[in-house]
Amino acid sequence: MYQLQAEERKKAPLLDFAYLGRIDEFLKRLREMAMTENWNYFRTYTTRPLPILYNYLNHTFMRLKEQGKVIETSGFHCFNTGLVTDHQQEIFAVFKENEKGMRFMKFCTESDNTMSYYSSLPERATYFTNPADLIFDNRLDFRIKIDHIIGDEANFSRFPVEIQQLSQHQLINTFNGALEHAKKRINRNYKTAIPQFYRGQYVPQGQLQLLLPLCLIEPHQADLALTIYKENNFYSGRTCLTLDMAINNARLIAKPDDEWLKP
């Protein structure tokens, strides 16, 4: 049985909201109900069960709370998980409040009798207003702050070890070559640029960004994801993410196309 650490609980708004029982069993129930999907990391070792699903649920819940989409009626609280069954029925998480506090009851679909308490079903979380923002605009210029990316300790630590050992001149050439390769891939297939929702210190309300593959070692294998976002009339970029970090952020919007970003 997996035990959440104190530091993990601080970053888990769903755990503050309600008692979920054993977290591994809670996640397993949802995984078995939803369409088949790989919710485990491939590159990062963790003993936490279904880590991508765990992060997805917590950030989805946070967004739903912000948008007022966690619905209460007759003592029941409910939210739309954003996931569906094999038959495309939406899956909802239902909670019941009693003298001991809020407790998780079950996951259910819209056809479950519990959902008859709701005159309208809880809505999914949303992360954009203009669908065009999800698509890379090849008319815009790039302005990538490479000095910041290779000079920032957090960014640089995400690079493969063999790339970190290059001279600065070699490193910049390798990075620029990978960036040009990514641009060509996007021009051939717009789905190469994967949308993500990022929330951080400087964008606490969140920001829609695009992820580009950086193939630093092998031309067909992404090593990092470069994040870019629209700023005025160009794309700005100053951060690289590990592929597991990118999957966590991208999965909030939709299951990513697996051309290069997959668990």
C-alpha atoms as a PDB file:
ATOM      1  CA  MET A   1       0.000   0.000   0.000  1.00  0.00           C
ATOM      2  CA  TYR A   2       1.396   3.389  -1.005  1.00  0.00           C
ATOM      3  CA  GLN A   3       1.589   6.075   1.698  1.00  0.00           C
ATOM      4  CA  LEU A   4       1.600   9.714   0.616  1.00  0.00           C
ATOM      5  CA  GLN A   5       4.363  11.789   2.147  1.00  0.00           C
ATOM      6  CA  ALA A   6       3.628  15.079   3.951  1.00  0.00           C
ATOM      7  CA  GLU A   7       5.217  17.131   1.147  1.00  0.00           C
ATOM      8  CA  GLU A   8       3.037  15.367  -1.431  1.00  0.00           C
ATOM      9  CA  ARG A   9      -0.120  16.165   0.521  1.00  0.00           C
ATOM     10  CA  LYS A  10       0.644  19.895   0.426  1.00  0.00           C
ATOM     11  CA  LYS A  11       0.475  19.762  -3.380  1.00  0.00           C
ATOM     12  CA  ALA A  12      -2.709  17.683  -3.504  1.00  0.00           C
ATOM     13  CA  PRO A  13      -5.816  19.921  -3.335  1.00  0.00           C
ATOM     14  CA  LEU A  14      -8.107  16.933  -3.801  1.00  0.00           C
ATOM     15  CA  LEU A  15      -6.789  15.442  -0.550  1.00  0.00           C
ATOM     16  CA  ASP A  16      -7.602  18.700   1.258  1.00  0.00           C
ATOM     17  CA  PHE A  17     -11.115  18.553  -0.131  1.00  0.00           C
ATOM     18  CA  ALA A  18     -12.078  15.046   0.920  1.00  0.00           C
ATOM     19  CA  TYR A  19     -11.007  11.770   2.441  1.00  0.00           C
ATOM     20  CA  LEU A  20     -10.275   9.426  -0.459  1.00  0.00           C
ATOM     21  CA  GLY A  21      -9.353   6.224   1.353  1.00  0.00           C
ATOM     22  CA  ARG A  22      -6.297   4.364   0.086  1.00  0.00           C
ATOM     23  CA  ILE A  23      -4.902   6.476  -2.733  1.00  0.00           C
ATOM     24  CA  ASP A  24      -3.735   3.446  -4.713  1.00  0.00           C
ATOM     25  CA  GLU A  25      -7.216   1.891  -4.614  1.00  0.00           C
ATOM     26  CA  PHE A  26      -8.848   5.237  -5.431  1.00  0.00           C
ATOM     27  CA  LEU A  27      -6.712   5.662  -8.557  1.00  0.00           C
ATOM     28  CA  LYS A  28      -7.075   2.029  -9.577  1.00  0.00           C
ATOM     29  CA  ARG A  29     -10.876   2.282  -9.555  1.00  0.00           C
ATOM     30  CA  LEU A  30     -10.796   5.252 -11.912  1.00  0.00           C
ATOM     31  CA  ARG A  31      -8.208   3.665 -14.202  1.00  0.00           C
ATOM     32  CA  GLU A  32     -10.290   0.499 -14.557  1.00  0.00           C
ATOM     33  CA  MET A  33     -13.417   2.499 -15.356  1.00  0.00           C
ATOM     34  CA  ALA A  34     -11.820   4.832 -17.932  1.00  0.00           C
ATOM     35  CA  MET A  35     -10.603   4.133 -21.442  1.00  0.00           C
ATOM     36  CA  THR A  36      -7.292   2.311 -21.487  1.00  0.00           C
ATOM     37  CA  GLU A  37      -4.363   4.677 -21.140  1.00  0.00           C
ATOM     38  CA  ASN A  38      -0.803   4.466 -19.834  1.00  0.00           C
ATOM     39  CA  TRP A  39      -0.707   6.485 -16.603  1.00  0.00           C
ATOM     40  CA  ASN A  40       2.828   5.513 -15.570  1.00  0.00           C
ATOM     41  CA  TYR A  41       6.109   7.261 -16.302  1.00  0.00           C
ATOM     42  CA  PHE A  42       8.581   5.547 -18.570  1.00  0.00           C
ATOM     43  CA  ARG A  43      11.661   7.586 -17.673  1.00  0.00           C
ATOM     44  CA  THR A  44      11.207   8.721 -14.050  1.00  0.00           C
ATOM     45  CA  TYR A  45      11.257   6.170 -11.243  1.00  0.00           C
ATOM     46  CA  THR A  46       8.591   6.607  -8.582  1.00  0.00           C
ATOM     47  CA  THR A  47       6.833   4.287  -6.173  1.00  0.00           C
ATOM     48  CA  ARG A  48       3.685   6.414  -6.376  1.00  0.00           C
ATOM     49  CA  PRO A  49       0.928   4.453  -8.174  1.00  0.00           C
ATOM     50  CA  LEU A  50      -0.271   5.796 -11.532  1.00  0.00           C
ATOM     51  CA  PRO A  51       1.642   9.094 -11.170  1.00  0.00           C
ATOM     52  CA  ILE A  52       0.285  10.739 -14.333  1.00  0.00           C
ATOM     53  CA  LEU A  53      -3.307  10.003 -13.288  1.00  0.00           C
ATOM     54  CA  TYR A  54      -2.571  11.284  -9.769  1.00  0.00           C
ATOM     55  CA  ASN A  55      -1.255  14.597 -11.106  1.00  0.00           C
ATOM     56  CA  TYR A  56      -4.037  14.830 -13.679  1.00  0.00           C
ATOM     57  CA  LEU A  57      -6.779  14.505 -11.044  1.00  0.00           C
ATOM     58  CA  ASN A  58      -5.261  17.018  -8.640  1.00  0.00           C
ATOM     59  CA  HIS A  59      -4.700  19.700 -11.282  1.00  0.00           C
ATOM     60  CA  THR A  60      -8.086  19.046 -12.886  1.00  0.00           C
ATOM     61  CA  PHE A  61      -9.772  19.450  -9.509  1.00  0.00           C
ATOM     62  CA  MET A  62      -7.855  22.684  -8.870  1.00  0.00           C
ATOM     63  CA  ARG A  63      -9.025  24.089 -12.190  1.00  0.00           C
ATOM     64  CA  LEU A  64     -12.630  23.019 -11.585  1.00  0.00           C
ATOM     65  CA  LYS A  65     -12.632  24.743  -8.192  1.00  0.00           C
ATOM     66  CA  GLU A  66     -11.384  27.937  -9.831  1.00  0.00           C
ATOM     67  CA  GLN A  67     -14.131  27.733 -12.435  1.00  0.00           C
ATOM     68  CA  GLY A  68     -16.893  26.951  -9.943  1.00  0.00           C
ATOM     69  CA  LYS A  69     -17.586  23.562 -11.509  1.00  0.00           C
ATOM     70  CA  VAL A  70     -17.495  21.399  -8.380  1.00  0.00           C
ATOM     71  CA  ILE A  71     -21.241  21.094  -7.891  1.00  0.00           C
ATOM     72  CA  GLU A  72     -23.143  20.514  -4.615  1.00  0.00           C
ATOM     73  CA  THR A  73     -26.733  19.368  -4.186  1.00  0.00           C
ATOM     74  CA  SER A  74     -28.532  17.527  -1.365  1.00  0.00           C
ATOM     75  CA  GLY A  75     -25.251  16.987   0.496  1.00  0.00           C
ATOM     76  CA  PHE A  76     -23.567  15.394  -2.516  1.00  0.00           C
ATOM     77  CA  HIS A  77     -20.568  17.052  -4.172  1.00  0.00           C
ATOM     78  CA  CYS A  78     -19.571  16.075  -7.669  1.00  0.00           C
ATOM     79  CA  PHE A  79     -17.111  16.962 -10.408  1.00  0.00           C
ATOM     80  CA  ASN A  80     -16.428  15.852 -13.954  1.00  0.00           C
ATOM     81  CA  THR A  81     -13.116  13.979 -14.140  1.00  0.00           C
ATOM     82  CA  GLY A  82     -12.727  14.767 -17.834  1.00  0.00           C
ATOM     83  CA  LEU A  83     -12.267  11.056 -18.545  1.00  0.00           C
ATOM     84  CA  VAL A  84     -14.667   8.730 -20.347  1.00  0.00           C
ATOM     85  CA  THR A  85     -15.469   5.037 -20.493  1.00  0.00           C
ATOM     86  CA  ASP A  86     -14.958   2.822 -23.535  1.00  0.00           C
ATOM     87  CA  HIS A  87     -18.520   3.777 -24.530  1.00  0.00           C
ATOM     88  CA  GLN A  88     -17.709   7.508 -24.335  1.00  0.00           C
ATOM     89  CA  GLN A  89     -19.719   8.091 -21.160  1.00  0.00           C
ATOM     90  CA  GLU A  90     -18.296  10.850 -18.994  1.00  0.00           C
ATOM     91  CA  ILE A  91     -16.987   9.796 -15.577  1.00  0.00           C
ATOM     92  CA  PHE A  92     -17.872  11.800 -12.475  1.00  0.00           C
ATOM     93  CA  ALA A  93     -16.399  11.711  -8.962  1.00  0.00           C
ATOM     94  CA  VAL A  94     -19.063  11.837  -6.236  1.00  0.00           C
ATOM     95  CA  PHE A  95     -18.515  12.813  -2.592  1.00  0.00           C
ATOM     96  CA  LYS A  96     -20.807  12.873   0.439  1.00  0.00           C
ATOM     97  CA  GLU A  97     -20.549  15.272   3.361  1.00  0.00           C
ATOM     98  CA  ASN A  98     -21.327  13.992   6.847  1.00  0.00           C
ATOM     99  CA  GLU A  99     -20.387  14.734  10.455  1.00  0.00           C
ATOM    100  CA  LYS A 100     -16.856  13.448   9.810  1.00  0.00           C
ATOM    101  CA  GLY A 101     -16.329  15.704   6.815  1.00  0.00           C
ATOM    102  CA  MET A 102     -16.209  15.161   3.067  1.00  0.00           C
ATOM    103  CA  ARG A 103     -15.655  11.580   1.915  1.00  0.00           C
ATOM    104  CA  PHE A 104     -15.311  10.027  -1.507  1.00  0.00           C
ATOM    105  CA  MET A 105     -18.249   7.821  -2.471  1.00  0.00           C
ATOM    106  CA  LYS A 106     -17.680   6.533  -5.973  1.00  0.00           C
ATOM    107  CA  PHE A 107     -16.923   7.169  -9.603  1.00  0.00           C
ATOM    108  CA  CYS A 108     -19.962   6.913 -11.831  1.00  0.00           C
ATOM    109  CA  THR A 109     -21.258   7.715 -15.306  1.00  0.00           C
ATOM    110  CA  GLU A 110     -24.125  10.018 -16.279  1.00  0.00           C
ATOM    111  CA  SER A 111     -26.520   7.043 -16.352  1.00  0.00           C
ATOM    112  CA  ASP A 112     -25.911   6.233 -12.670  1.00  0.00           C
ATOM    113  CA  ASN A 113     -28.884   6.897 -10.365  1.00  0.00           C
ATOM    114  CA  THR A 114     -26.741   9.218  -8.245  1.00  0.00           C
ATOM    115  CA  MET A 115     -26.526  11.688 -11.121  1.00  0.00           C
ATOM    116  CA  SER A 116     -30.324  12.090 -11.120  1.00  0.00           C
ATOM    117  CA  TYR A 117     -29.829  14.552  -8.237  1.00  0.00           C
ATOM    118  CA  TYR A 118     -28.290  16.977 -10.726  1.00  0.00           C
ATOM    119  CA  SER A 119     -30.557  18.859 -13.127  1.00  0.00           C
ATOM    120  CA  SER A 120     -27.501  19.488 -15.309  1.00  0.00           C
ATOM    121  CA  LEU A 121     -24.323  17.437 -15.313  1.00  0.00           C
ATOM    122  CA  PRO A 122     -21.098  19.003 -13.983  1.00  0.00           C
ATOM    123  CA  GLU A 123     -18.994  20.473 -16.777  1.00  0.00           C
ATOM    124  CA  ARG A 124     -15.436  19.574 -17.705  1.00  0.00           C
ATOM    125  CA  ALA A 125     -12.522  21.846 -16.868  1.00  0.00           C
ATOM    126  CA  THR A 126     -11.541  24.191 -19.682  1.00  0.00           C
ATOM    127  CA  TYR A 127      -8.132  25.661 -20.406  1.00  0.00           C
ATOM    128  CA  PHE A 128      -8.601  27.850 -23.471  1.00  0.00           C
ATOM    129  CA  THR A 129     -11.183  30.105 -25.090  1.00  0.00           C
ATOM    130  CA  ASN A 130      -9.783  30.276 -28.609  1.00  0.00           C
ATOM    131  CA  PRO A 131      -9.198  26.850 -30.228  1.00  0.00           C
ATOM    132  CA  ALA A 132      -6.731  28.496 -32.632  1.00  0.00           C
ATOM    133  CA  ASP A 133      -4.309  28.838 -29.698  1.00  0.00           C
ATOM    134  CA  LEU A 134      -3.919  25.047 -29.712  1.00  0.00           C
ATOM    135  CA  ILE A 135      -2.409  25.098 -33.189  1.00  0.00           C
ATOM    136  CA  PHE A 136       1.103  26.252 -33.985  1.00  0.00           C
ATOM    137  CA  ASP A 137       1.083  29.401 -36.139  1.00  0.00           C
ATOM    138  CA  ASN A 138       3.992  29.131 -38.592  1.00  0.00           C
ATOM    139  CA  ARG A 139       3.624  32.801 -39.498  1.00  0.00           C
ATOM    140  CA  LEU A 140       5.088  33.860 -36.150  1.00  0.00           C
ATOM    141  CA  ASP A 141       8.784  34.266 -35.388  1.00  0.00           C
ATOM    142  CA  PHE A 142      10.678  32.424 -32.635  1.00  0.00           C
ATOM    143  CA  ARG A 143      12.555  34.221 -29.889  1.00  0.00           C
ATOM    144  CA  ILE A 144      14.213  31.555 -27.771  1.00  0.00           C
ATOM    145  CA  LYS A 145      16.234  32.683 -24.767  1.00  0.00           C
ATOM    146  CA  ILE A 146      18.917  30.055 -25.114  1.00  0.00           C
ATOM    147  CA  ASP A 147      21.277  31.809 -22.684  1.00  0.00           C
ATOM    148  CA  HIS A 148      18.655  31.487 -19.985  1.00  0.00           C
ATOM    149  CA  ILE A 149      17.892  27.859 -20.852  1.00  0.00           C
ATOM    150  CA  ILE A 150      21.503  26.685 -20.634  1.00  0.00           C
ATOM    151  CA  GLY A 151      22.405  29.120 -17.857  1.00  0.00           C
ATOM    152  CA  ASP A 152      19.532  28.254 -15.532  1.00  0.00           C
ATOM    153  CA  GLU A 153      20.419  25.375 -13.223  1.00  0.00           C
ATOM    154  CA  ALA A 154      16.925  23.866 -13.196  1.00  0.00           C
ATOM    155  CA  ASN A 155      16.699  23.932 -16.988  1.00  0.00           C
ATOM    156  CA  PHE A 156      20.199  22.674 -17.609  1.00  0.00           C
ATOM    157  CA  SER A 157      19.879  19.770 -15.175  1.00  0.00           C
ATOM    158  CA  ARG A 158      17.171  18.328 -17.437  1.00  0.00           C
ATOM    159  CA  PHE A 159      19.522  17.948 -20.391  1.00  0.00           C
ATOM    160  CA  PRO A 160      20.996  14.480 -21.052  1.00  0.00           C
ATOM    161  CA  VAL A 161      24.305  14.025 -19.241  1.00  0.00           C
ATOM    162  CA  GLU A 162      26.288  13.657 -22.477  1.00  0.00           C
ATOM    163  CA  ILE A 163      24.906  16.980 -23.717  1.00  0.00           C
ATOM    164  CA  GLN A 164      25.759  18.722 -20.444  1.00  0.00           C
ATOM    165  CA  GLN A 165      29.398  17.737 -20.969  1.00  0.00           C
ATOM    166  CA  LEU A 166      29.708  19.610 -24.272  1.00  0.00           C
ATOM    167  CA  SER A 167      31.494  22.931 -24.547  1.00  0.00           C
ATOM    168  CA  GLN A 168      29.211  25.942 -24.639  1.00  0.00           C
ATOM    169  CA  HIS A 169      29.848  26.392 -28.350  1.00  0.00           C
ATOM    170  CA  GLN A 170      28.954  22.749 -29.069  1.00  0.00           C
ATOM    171  CA  LEU A 171      25.943  22.957 -26.763  1.00  0.00           C
ATOM    172  CA  ILE A 172      24.496  26.019 -28.489  1.00  0.00           C
ATOM    173  CA  ASN A 173      25.044  24.479 -31.939  1.00  0.00           C
ATOM    174  CA  THR A 174      23.390  21.242 -30.825  1.00  0.00           C
ATOM    175  CA  PHE A 175      20.437  23.114 -29.324  1.00  0.00           C
ATOM    176  CA  ASN A 176      19.957  25.300 -32.393  1.00  0.00           C
ATOM    177  CA  GLY A 177      20.144  22.255 -34.655  1.00  0.00           C
ATOM    178  CA  ALA A 178      17.477  20.487 -32.586  1.00  0.00           C
ATOM    179  CA  LEU A 179      15.286  23.602 -32.717  1.00  0.00           C
ATOM    180  CA  GLU A 180      15.513  23.808 -36.522  1.00  0.00           C
ATOM    181  CA  HIS A 181      14.681  20.104 -36.713  1.00  0.00           C
ATOM    182  CA  ALA A 182      11.609  20.718 -34.529  1.00  0.00           C
ATOM    183  CA  LYS A 183      10.442  23.571 -36.762  1.00  0.00           C
ATOM    184  CA  LYS A 184      10.648  21.322 -39.828  1.00  0.00           C
ATOM    185  CA  ARG A 185       8.649  18.617 -38.074  1.00  0.00           C
ATOM    186  CA  ILE A 186       5.931  21.113 -37.149  1.00  0.00           C
ATOM    187  CA  ASN A 187       5.694  22.369 -40.709  1.00  0.00           C
ATOM    188  CA  ARG A 188       5.182  18.781 -41.891  1.00  0.00           C
ATOM    189  CA  ASN A 189       2.732  17.902 -39.116  1.00  0.00           C
ATOM    190  CA  TYR A 190       1.095  20.621 -37.017  1.00  0.00           C
ATOM    191  CA  LYS A 191       0.218  18.057 -34.309  1.00  0.00           C
ATOM    192  CA  THR A 192       3.926  17.875 -33.451  1.00  0.00           C
ATOM    193  CA  ALA A 193       3.408  21.047 -31.370  1.00  0.00           C
ATOM    194  CA  ILE A 194       1.465  19.756 -28.362  1.00  0.00           C
ATOM    195  CA  PRO A 195      -0.561  22.163 -26.189  1.00  0.00           C
ATOM    196  CA  GLN A 196       0.020  22.180 -22.456  1.00  0.00           C
ATOM    197  CA  PHE A 197      -1.455  24.072 -19.520  1.00  0.00           C
ATOM    198  CA  TYR A 198       1.278  25.405 -17.276  1.00  0.00           C
ATOM    199  CA  ARG A 199       0.853  26.919 -13.831  1.00  0.00           C
ATOM    200  CA  GLY A 200       3.894  28.329 -12.060  1.00  0.00           C
ATOM    201  CA  GLN A 201       5.385  31.090  -9.946  1.00  0.00           C
ATOM    202  CA  TYR A 202       5.064  33.751 -12.633  1.00  0.00           C
ATOM    203  CA  VAL A 203       1.770  32.505 -14.085  1.00  0.00           C
ATOM    204  CA  PRO A 204      -0.227  31.403 -11.006  1.00  0.00           C
ATOM    205  CA  GLN A 205      -3.516  31.413 -12.950  1.00  0.00           C
ATOM    206  CA  GLY A 206      -2.006  29.228 -15.652  1.00  0.00           C
ATOM    207  CA  GLN A 207      -1.035  29.737 -19.256  1.00  0.00           C
ATOM    208  CA  LEU A 208      -1.615  27.843 -22.490  1.00  0.00           C
ATOM    209  CA  GLN A 209       1.689  26.926 -24.117  1.00  0.00           C
ATOM    210  CA  LEU A 210       2.994  24.629 -26.837  1.00  0.00           C
ATOM    211  CA  LEU A 211       5.557  21.861 -26.456  1.00  0.00           C
ATOM    212  CA  LEU A 212       8.145  21.161 -29.153  1.00  0.00           C
ATOM    213  CA  PRO A 213      10.405  18.081 -29.305  1.00  0.00           C
ATOM    214  CA  LEU A 214      14.137  18.661 -28.919  1.00  0.00           C
ATOM    215  CA  CYS A 215      16.076  15.721 -30.353  1.00  0.00           C
ATOM    216  CA  LEU A 216      19.560  16.410 -29.032  1.00  0.00           C
ATOM    217  CA  ILE A 217      21.177  12.988 -29.487  1.00  0.00           C
ATOM    218  CA  GLU A 218      19.187  10.925 -31.988  1.00  0.00           C
ATOM    219  CA  PRO A 219      17.114  12.622 -34.725  1.00  0.00           C
ATOM    220  CA  HIS A 220      14.017  10.504 -34.088  1.00  0.00           C
ATOM    221  CA  GLN A 221      14.097  10.484 -30.282  1.00  0.00           C
ATOM    222  CA  ALA A 222      13.059  13.559 -28.255  1.00  0.00           C
ATOM    223  CA  ASP A 223      15.203  14.217 -25.189  1.00  0.00           C
ATOM    224  CA  LEU A 224      13.459  17.358 -23.933  1.00  0.00           C
ATOM    225  CA  ALA A 225      10.343  19.420 -24.575  1.00  0.00           C
ATOM    226  CA  LEU A 226      10.820  23.113 -25.320  1.00  0.00           C
ATOM    227  CA  THR A 227       7.916  25.253 -24.103  1.00  0.00           C
ATOM    228  CA  ILE A 228       6.859  28.236 -26.203  1.00  0.00           C
ATOM    229  CA  TYR A 229       4.044  30.744 -25.753  1.00  0.00           C
ATOM    230  CA  LYS A 230       2.653  33.673 -27.683  1.00  0.00           C
ATOM    231  CA  GLU A 231       4.032  37.023 -26.587  1.00  0.00           C
ATOM    232  CA  ASN A 232       2.862  40.005 -28.653  1.00  0.00           C
ATOM    233  CA  ASN A 233       3.275  38.687 -32.206  1.00  0.00           C
ATOM    234  CA  PHE A 234       5.952  36.015 -31.749  1.00  0.00           C
ATOM    235  CA  TYR A 235       6.654  32.789 -29.874  1.00  0.00           C
ATOM    236  CA  SER A 236       8.819  33.156 -26.799  1.00  0.00           C
ATOM    237  CA  GLY A 237      10.649  30.271 -25.153  1.00  0.00           C
ATOM    238  CA  ARG A 238      12.783  30.138 -22.035  1.00  0.00           C
ATOM    239  CA  THR A 239      12.129  26.723 -20.476  1.00  0.00           C
ATOM    240  CA  CYS A 240      12.801  23.073 -21.259  1.00  0.00           C
ATOM    241  CA  LEU A 241      10.949  20.256 -19.538  1.00  0.00           C
ATOM    242  CA  THR A 242      11.700  16.595 -19.128  1.00  0.00           C
ATOM    243  CA  LEU A 243       9.321  14.464 -21.166  1.00  0.00           C
ATOM    244  CA  ASP A 244       7.580  13.227 -18.019  1.00  0.00           C
ATOM    245  CA  MET A 245       7.010  16.806 -16.852  1.00  0.00           C
ATOM    246  CA  ALA A 246       5.642  17.650 -20.302  1.00  0.00           C
ATOM    247  CA  ILE A 247       3.241  14.692 -20.241  1.00  0.00           C
ATOM    248  CA  ASN A 248       1.819  15.825 -16.886  1.00  0.00           C
ATOM    249  CA  ASN A 249       1.101  19.313 -18.223  1.00  0.00           C
ATOM    250  CA  ALA A 250      -0.151  18.229 -21.647  1.00  0.00           C
ATOM    251  CA  ARG A 251      -2.506  15.563 -20.292  1.00  0.00           C
ATOM    252  CA  LEU A 252      -4.657  18.207 -18.601  1.00  0.00           C
ATOM    253  CA  ILE A 253      -5.916  19.319 -22.007  1.00  0.00           C
ATOM    254  CA  ALA A 254      -6.032  15.994 -23.833  1.00  0.00           C
ATOM    255  CA  LYS A 255      -4.191  12.722 -24.271  1.00  0.00           C
ATOM    256  CA  PRO A 256      -1.168  13.813 -26.361  1.00  0.00           C
ATOM    257  CA  ASP A 257      -0.593  12.518 -29.842  1.00  0.00           C
ATOM    258  CA  ASP A 258       2.154   9.933 -29.337  1.00  0.00           C
ATOM    259  CA  GLU A 259       4.345  10.922 -32.278  1.00  0.00           C
ATOM    260  CA  TRP A 260       7.035  11.908 -29.762  1.00  0.00           C
ATOM    261  CA  LEU A 261       5.464  12.560 -26.345  1.00  0.00           C
ATOM    262  CA  LYS A 262       4.295   9.395 -24.634  1.00  0.00           C
ATOM    263  CA  PRO A 263       4.841   7.615 -21.296  1.00  0.00           C
END
